[in-house]
Amino acid sequence: MCFVSSPAGAFEWRSFTPDEGGFRLDLPALPSVEEIRKGVPMFTFRSTAYRADVGPDGFGVNHTDLPRTVALLVPRGRILEATRRGLIEEASAVEVAFRKIRFAGREARELIYDRPAQGDKPPLRGIARIFFQGSRLYIFWVEASQGLPAAVRERFFASVRVDDD
């Protein structure tokens, strides 16, 4: 375990691999898990969201298993664009940047956005790294307060490992 001191407190990094496998990453706290099912006629999308919060800062991963027909028929660029729009809308955020990057050894997209203060949470800067592994769409993300050092965000992203099919 690695401890990182910051204005947000000390982080105790823990390696996390979900029961269903597929990826591993380090989180600064044990995550909560949420299963999400959304559907349109003929298709059901099953997503799993893991979230670890330390003070106002959030770290997590969401993955969605695309129905086979969708994975075969819908261009990945269109799915990535819909994901970008959905993240911005869900977070009530303002997009700062959306660009191609290399992440976890794969071509990915990085979405940077700003969330306004909400309730007792300060404004947050979100960074989401989005890519496909087979027919699974991954979103690894951090939502950070101004006081969270960049090294903490990068520690999280550097820990991500995704299994090859």
C-alpha atoms as a PDB file:
ATOM      1  CA  MET A   1       0.000   0.000   0.000  1.00  0.00           C
ATOM      2  CA  CYS A   2       1.133   3.524  -0.728  1.00  0.00           C
ATOM      3  CA  PHE A   3       0.209   6.583   1.281  1.00  0.00           C
ATOM      4  CA  VAL A   4      -0.059   9.980  -0.384  1.00  0.00           C
ATOM      5  CA  SER A   5      -0.479  13.122   1.702  1.00  0.00           C
ATOM      6  CA  SER A   6      -2.497  15.959   0.268  1.00  0.00           C
ATOM      7  CA  PRO A   7      -4.795  18.722   1.444  1.00  0.00           C
ATOM      8  CA  ALA A   8      -7.612  16.209   0.983  1.00  0.00           C
ATOM      9  CA  GLY A   9      -6.000  13.881   3.553  1.00  0.00           C
ATOM     10  CA  ALA A  10      -3.941  10.709   3.350  1.00  0.00           C
ATOM     11  CA  PHE A  11      -4.801   8.169   0.707  1.00  0.00           C
ATOM     12  CA  GLU A  12      -4.314   4.476   1.362  1.00  0.00           C
ATOM     13  CA  TRP A  13      -4.091   2.887  -2.082  1.00  0.00           C
ATOM     14  CA  ARG A  14      -5.587  -0.594  -2.403  1.00  0.00           C
ATOM     15  CA  SER A  15      -5.417  -2.886  -5.402  1.00  0.00           C
ATOM     16  CA  PHE A  16      -8.932  -3.682  -6.616  1.00  0.00           C
ATOM     17  CA  THR A  17     -10.034  -6.451  -8.991  1.00  0.00           C
ATOM     18  CA  PRO A  18     -13.782  -7.069  -9.289  1.00  0.00           C
ATOM     19  CA  ASP A  19     -15.139 -10.588  -8.851  1.00  0.00           C
ATOM     20  CA  GLU A  20     -15.989 -10.791 -12.548  1.00  0.00           C
ATOM     21  CA  GLY A  21     -12.422  -9.829 -13.483  1.00  0.00           C
ATOM     22  CA  GLY A  22     -11.530  -7.956 -16.638  1.00  0.00           C
ATOM     23  CA  PHE A  23      -9.463  -5.215 -15.022  1.00  0.00           C
ATOM     24  CA  ARG A  24      -7.397  -4.189 -12.024  1.00  0.00           C
ATOM     25  CA  LEU A  25      -6.663  -0.767 -10.594  1.00  0.00           C
ATOM     26  CA  ASP A  26      -5.645   0.951  -7.399  1.00  0.00           C
ATOM     27  CA  LEU A  27      -8.217   2.951  -5.452  1.00  0.00           C
ATOM     28  CA  PRO A  28      -7.759   5.221  -2.434  1.00  0.00           C
ATOM     29  CA  ALA A  29     -10.754   3.627  -0.667  1.00  0.00           C
ATOM     30  CA  LEU A  30     -12.969   0.586  -1.029  1.00  0.00           C
ATOM     31  CA  PRO A  31     -15.489   1.218  -3.813  1.00  0.00           C
ATOM     32  CA  SER A  32     -19.242   1.095  -3.768  1.00  0.00           C
ATOM     33  CA  VAL A  33     -20.785  -0.930  -6.604  1.00  0.00           C
ATOM     34  CA  GLU A  34     -23.881  -0.153  -8.642  1.00  0.00           C
ATOM     35  CA  GLU A  35     -25.448  -2.325 -11.335  1.00  0.00           C
ATOM     36  CA  ILE A  36     -27.282  -0.354 -14.008  1.00  0.00           C
ATOM     37  CA  ARG A  37     -29.574  -1.731 -16.689  1.00  0.00           C
ATOM     38  CA  LYS A  38     -30.851   0.496 -19.440  1.00  0.00           C
ATOM     39  CA  GLY A  39     -32.679  -0.580 -22.481  1.00  0.00           C
ATOM     40  CA  VAL A  40     -34.361   0.299 -25.660  1.00  0.00           C
ATOM     41  CA  PRO A  41     -36.632  -2.075 -27.494  1.00  0.00           C
ATOM     42  CA  MET A  42     -34.697  -5.244 -28.371  1.00  0.00           C
ATOM     43  CA  PHE A  43     -31.493  -4.249 -26.498  1.00  0.00           C
ATOM     44  CA  THR A  44     -30.518  -4.183 -22.833  1.00  0.00           C
ATOM     45  CA  PHE A  45     -27.271  -2.542 -21.784  1.00  0.00           C
ATOM     46  CA  ARG A  46     -25.739  -3.835 -18.546  1.00  0.00           C
ATOM     47  CA  SER A  47     -23.328  -1.479 -16.828  1.00  0.00           C
ATOM     48  CA  THR A  48     -21.407  -1.776 -13.598  1.00  0.00           C
ATOM     49  CA  ALA A  49     -20.091   1.291 -11.776  1.00  0.00           C
ATOM     50  CA  TYR A  50     -17.405   1.212  -9.066  1.00  0.00           C
ATOM     51  CA  ARG A  51     -16.873   4.435  -7.118  1.00  0.00           C
ATOM     52  CA  ALA A  52     -14.466   5.353  -4.317  1.00  0.00           C
ATOM     53  CA  ASP A  53     -14.862   8.743  -2.637  1.00  0.00           C
ATOM     54  CA  VAL A  54     -12.314  10.464  -0.413  1.00  0.00           C
ATOM     55  CA  GLY A  55     -13.716  13.764   0.803  1.00  0.00           C
ATOM     56  CA  PRO A  56     -15.031  15.670  -2.211  1.00  0.00           C
ATOM     57  CA  ASP A  57     -12.872  13.686  -4.663  1.00  0.00           C
ATOM     58  CA  GLY A  58     -14.182  10.676  -6.574  1.00  0.00           C
ATOM     59  CA  PHE A  59     -12.364   7.853  -8.378  1.00  0.00           C
ATOM     60  CA  GLY A  60     -14.003   5.120 -10.386  1.00  0.00           C
ATOM     61  CA  VAL A  61     -14.659   2.947 -13.351  1.00  0.00           C
ATOM     62  CA  ASN A  62     -17.821   2.179 -15.263  1.00  0.00           C
ATOM     63  CA  HIS A  63     -18.033  -0.591 -17.808  1.00  0.00           C
ATOM     64  CA  THR A  64     -20.834  -1.477 -20.158  1.00  0.00           C
ATOM     65  CA  ASP A  65     -21.191  -4.737 -22.034  1.00  0.00           C
ATOM     66  CA  LEU A  66     -22.671  -3.875 -25.403  1.00  0.00           C
ATOM     67  CA  PRO A  67     -25.188  -6.277 -26.927  1.00  0.00           C
ATOM     68  CA  ARG A  68     -23.491  -8.198 -29.728  1.00  0.00           C
ATOM     69  CA  THR A  69     -25.708  -6.695 -32.437  1.00  0.00           C
ATOM     70  CA  VAL A  70     -24.952  -3.146 -31.263  1.00  0.00           C
ATOM     71  CA  ALA A  71     -21.209  -3.877 -31.112  1.00  0.00           C
ATOM     72  CA  LEU A  72     -21.330  -5.156 -34.692  1.00  0.00           C
ATOM     73  CA  LEU A  73     -23.645  -2.574 -36.275  1.00  0.00           C
ATOM     74  CA  VAL A  74     -23.021   0.751 -34.533  1.00  0.00           C
ATOM     75  CA  PRO A  75     -19.730   2.500 -35.344  1.00  0.00           C
ATOM     76  CA  ARG A  76     -17.489   2.893 -32.290  1.00  0.00           C
ATOM     77  CA  GLY A  77     -17.075   6.602 -32.987  1.00  0.00           C
ATOM     78  CA  ARG A  78     -20.822   7.042 -32.638  1.00  0.00           C
ATOM     79  CA  ILE A  79     -20.815   5.146 -29.334  1.00  0.00           C
ATOM     80  CA  LEU A  80     -17.924   7.261 -28.026  1.00  0.00           C
ATOM     81  CA  GLU A  81     -19.737  10.470 -29.015  1.00  0.00           C
ATOM     82  CA  ALA A  82     -22.929   9.312 -27.270  1.00  0.00           C
ATOM     83  CA  THR A  83     -20.857   8.436 -24.184  1.00  0.00           C
ATOM     84  CA  ARG A  84     -19.252  11.899 -24.193  1.00  0.00           C
ATOM     85  CA  ARG A  85     -22.631  13.629 -24.421  1.00  0.00           C
ATOM     86  CA  GLY A  86     -24.118  11.385 -21.716  1.00  0.00           C
ATOM     87  CA  LEU A  87     -21.281  12.033 -19.264  1.00  0.00           C
ATOM     88  CA  ILE A  88     -21.505  15.807 -19.699  1.00  0.00           C
ATOM     89  CA  GLU A  89     -25.293  15.782 -19.326  1.00  0.00           C
ATOM     90  CA  GLU A  90     -25.321  13.432 -16.323  1.00  0.00           C
ATOM     91  CA  ALA A  91     -22.704  15.511 -14.499  1.00  0.00           C
ATOM     92  CA  SER A  92     -24.371  18.839 -15.390  1.00  0.00           C
ATOM     93  CA  ALA A  93     -20.877  19.761 -16.523  1.00  0.00           C
ATOM     94  CA  VAL A  94     -19.145  21.974 -19.054  1.00  0.00           C
ATOM     95  CA  GLU A  95     -16.835  20.223 -21.511  1.00  0.00           C
ATOM     96  CA  VAL A  96     -13.239  21.479 -21.513  1.00  0.00           C
ATOM     97  CA  ALA A  97     -11.655  19.018 -23.991  1.00  0.00           C
ATOM     98  CA  PHE A  98     -12.283  15.735 -25.802  1.00  0.00           C
ATOM     99  CA  ARG A  99      -9.313  14.186 -27.543  1.00  0.00           C
ATOM    100  CA  LYS A 100      -7.648  10.980 -28.695  1.00  0.00           C
ATOM    101  CA  ILE A 101      -4.982   9.556 -26.393  1.00  0.00           C
ATOM    102  CA  ARG A 102      -3.169   6.290 -25.651  1.00  0.00           C
ATOM    103  CA  PHE A 103      -4.253   4.810 -22.346  1.00  0.00           C
ATOM    104  CA  ALA A 104      -3.658   1.383 -20.809  1.00  0.00           C
ATOM    105  CA  GLY A 105      -1.977   0.353 -24.062  1.00  0.00           C
ATOM    106  CA  ARG A 106      -5.002   1.203 -26.193  1.00  0.00           C
ATOM    107  CA  GLU A 107      -6.429   3.977 -28.310  1.00  0.00           C
ATOM    108  CA  ALA A 108      -8.779   5.915 -26.066  1.00  0.00           C
ATOM    109  CA  ARG A 109     -10.566   9.222 -25.684  1.00  0.00           C
ATOM    110  CA  GLU A 110      -9.990  11.613 -22.822  1.00  0.00           C
ATOM    111  CA  LEU A 111     -12.859  13.838 -21.742  1.00  0.00           C
ATOM    112  CA  ILE A 112     -12.047  16.750 -19.437  1.00  0.00           C
ATOM    113  CA  TYR A 113     -14.973  18.612 -17.886  1.00  0.00           C
ATOM    114  CA  ASP A 114     -15.835  20.985 -15.075  1.00  0.00           C
ATOM    115  CA  ARG A 115     -18.691  20.319 -12.641  1.00  0.00           C
ATOM    116  CA  PRO A 116     -20.108  23.276 -10.729  1.00  0.00           C
ATOM    117  CA  ALA A 117     -20.350  23.175  -6.950  1.00  0.00           C
ATOM    118  CA  GLN A 118     -23.286  20.999  -5.863  1.00  0.00           C
ATOM    119  CA  GLY A 119     -24.617  20.909  -2.326  1.00  0.00           C
ATOM    120  CA  ASP A 120     -21.641  20.589   0.018  1.00  0.00           C
ATOM    121  CA  LYS A 121     -19.253  19.585  -2.808  1.00  0.00           C
ATOM    122  CA  PRO A 122     -16.899  22.187  -4.295  1.00  0.00           C
ATOM    123  CA  PRO A 123     -16.462  22.607  -8.052  1.00  0.00           C
ATOM    124  CA  LEU A 124     -14.749  19.538  -9.519  1.00  0.00           C
ATOM    125  CA  ARG A 125     -12.546  18.898 -12.551  1.00  0.00           C
ATOM    126  CA  GLY A 126     -13.439  15.595 -14.182  1.00  0.00           C
ATOM    127  CA  ILE A 127     -11.130  13.507 -16.306  1.00  0.00           C
ATOM    128  CA  ALA A 128     -12.584  10.419 -17.984  1.00  0.00           C
ATOM    129  CA  ARG A 129     -10.592   8.011 -20.130  1.00  0.00           C
ATOM    130  CA  ILE A 130     -12.826   5.961 -22.408  1.00  0.00           C
ATOM    131  CA  PHE A 131     -12.042   2.939 -24.606  1.00  0.00           C
ATOM    132  CA  PHE A 132     -13.248  -0.430 -25.850  1.00  0.00           C
ATOM    133  CA  GLN A 133     -11.956  -3.873 -24.987  1.00  0.00           C
ATOM    134  CA  GLY A 134     -13.845  -6.247 -27.232  1.00  0.00           C
ATOM    135  CA  SER A 135     -17.537  -5.388 -26.850  1.00  0.00           C
ATOM    136  CA  ARG A 136     -17.027  -3.811 -23.424  1.00  0.00           C
ATOM    137  CA  LEU A 137     -16.868  -0.024 -23.087  1.00  0.00           C
ATOM    138  CA  TYR A 138     -14.699   1.192 -20.186  1.00  0.00           C
ATOM    139  CA  ILE A 139     -14.730   4.611 -18.535  1.00  0.00           C
ATOM    140  CA  PHE A 140     -11.999   5.213 -15.935  1.00  0.00           C
ATOM    141  CA  TRP A 141     -12.509   8.579 -14.243  1.00  0.00           C
ATOM    142  CA  VAL A 142     -11.489  11.002 -11.527  1.00  0.00           C
ATOM    143  CA  GLU A 143     -13.466  14.011 -10.299  1.00  0.00           C
ATOM    144  CA  ALA A 144     -11.065  16.186  -8.342  1.00  0.00           C
ATOM    145  CA  SER A 145     -11.324  19.266  -6.193  1.00  0.00           C
ATOM    146  CA  GLN A 146      -8.850  22.067  -6.740  1.00  0.00           C
ATOM    147  CA  GLY A 147      -6.784  20.906  -3.752  1.00  0.00           C
ATOM    148  CA  LEU A 148      -6.127  17.390  -5.089  1.00  0.00           C
ATOM    149  CA  PRO A 149      -2.567  17.175  -6.443  1.00  0.00           C
ATOM    150  CA  ALA A 150      -2.191  16.064 -10.069  1.00  0.00           C
ATOM    151  CA  ALA A 151       0.122  13.281  -8.828  1.00  0.00           C
ATOM    152  CA  VAL A 152      -2.844  11.626  -7.077  1.00  0.00           C
ATOM    153  CA  ARG A 153      -4.907  11.608 -10.295  1.00  0.00           C
ATOM    154  CA  GLU A 154      -1.990  10.228 -12.271  1.00  0.00           C
ATOM    155  CA  ARG A 155      -1.347   7.550  -9.606  1.00  0.00           C
ATOM    156  CA  PHE A 156      -4.882   6.313 -10.167  1.00  0.00           C
ATOM    157  CA  PHE A 157      -4.690   6.317 -13.981  1.00  0.00           C
ATOM    158  CA  ALA A 158      -1.201   4.716 -14.006  1.00  0.00           C
ATOM    159  CA  SER A 159      -2.519   1.749 -11.987  1.00  0.00           C
ATOM    160  CA  VAL A 160      -5.140   0.686 -14.568  1.00  0.00           C
ATOM    161  CA  ARG A 161      -4.629  -2.763 -16.118  1.00  0.00           C
ATOM    162  CA  VAL A 162      -7.201  -4.309 -18.466  1.00  0.00           C
ATOM    163  CA  ASP A 163      -7.163  -7.962 -19.528  1.00  0.00           C
ATOM    164  CA  ASP A 164      -6.858  -8.735 -23.227  1.00  0.00           C
ATOM    165  CA  ASP A 165      -9.634 -10.830 -24.729  1.00  0.00           C
END
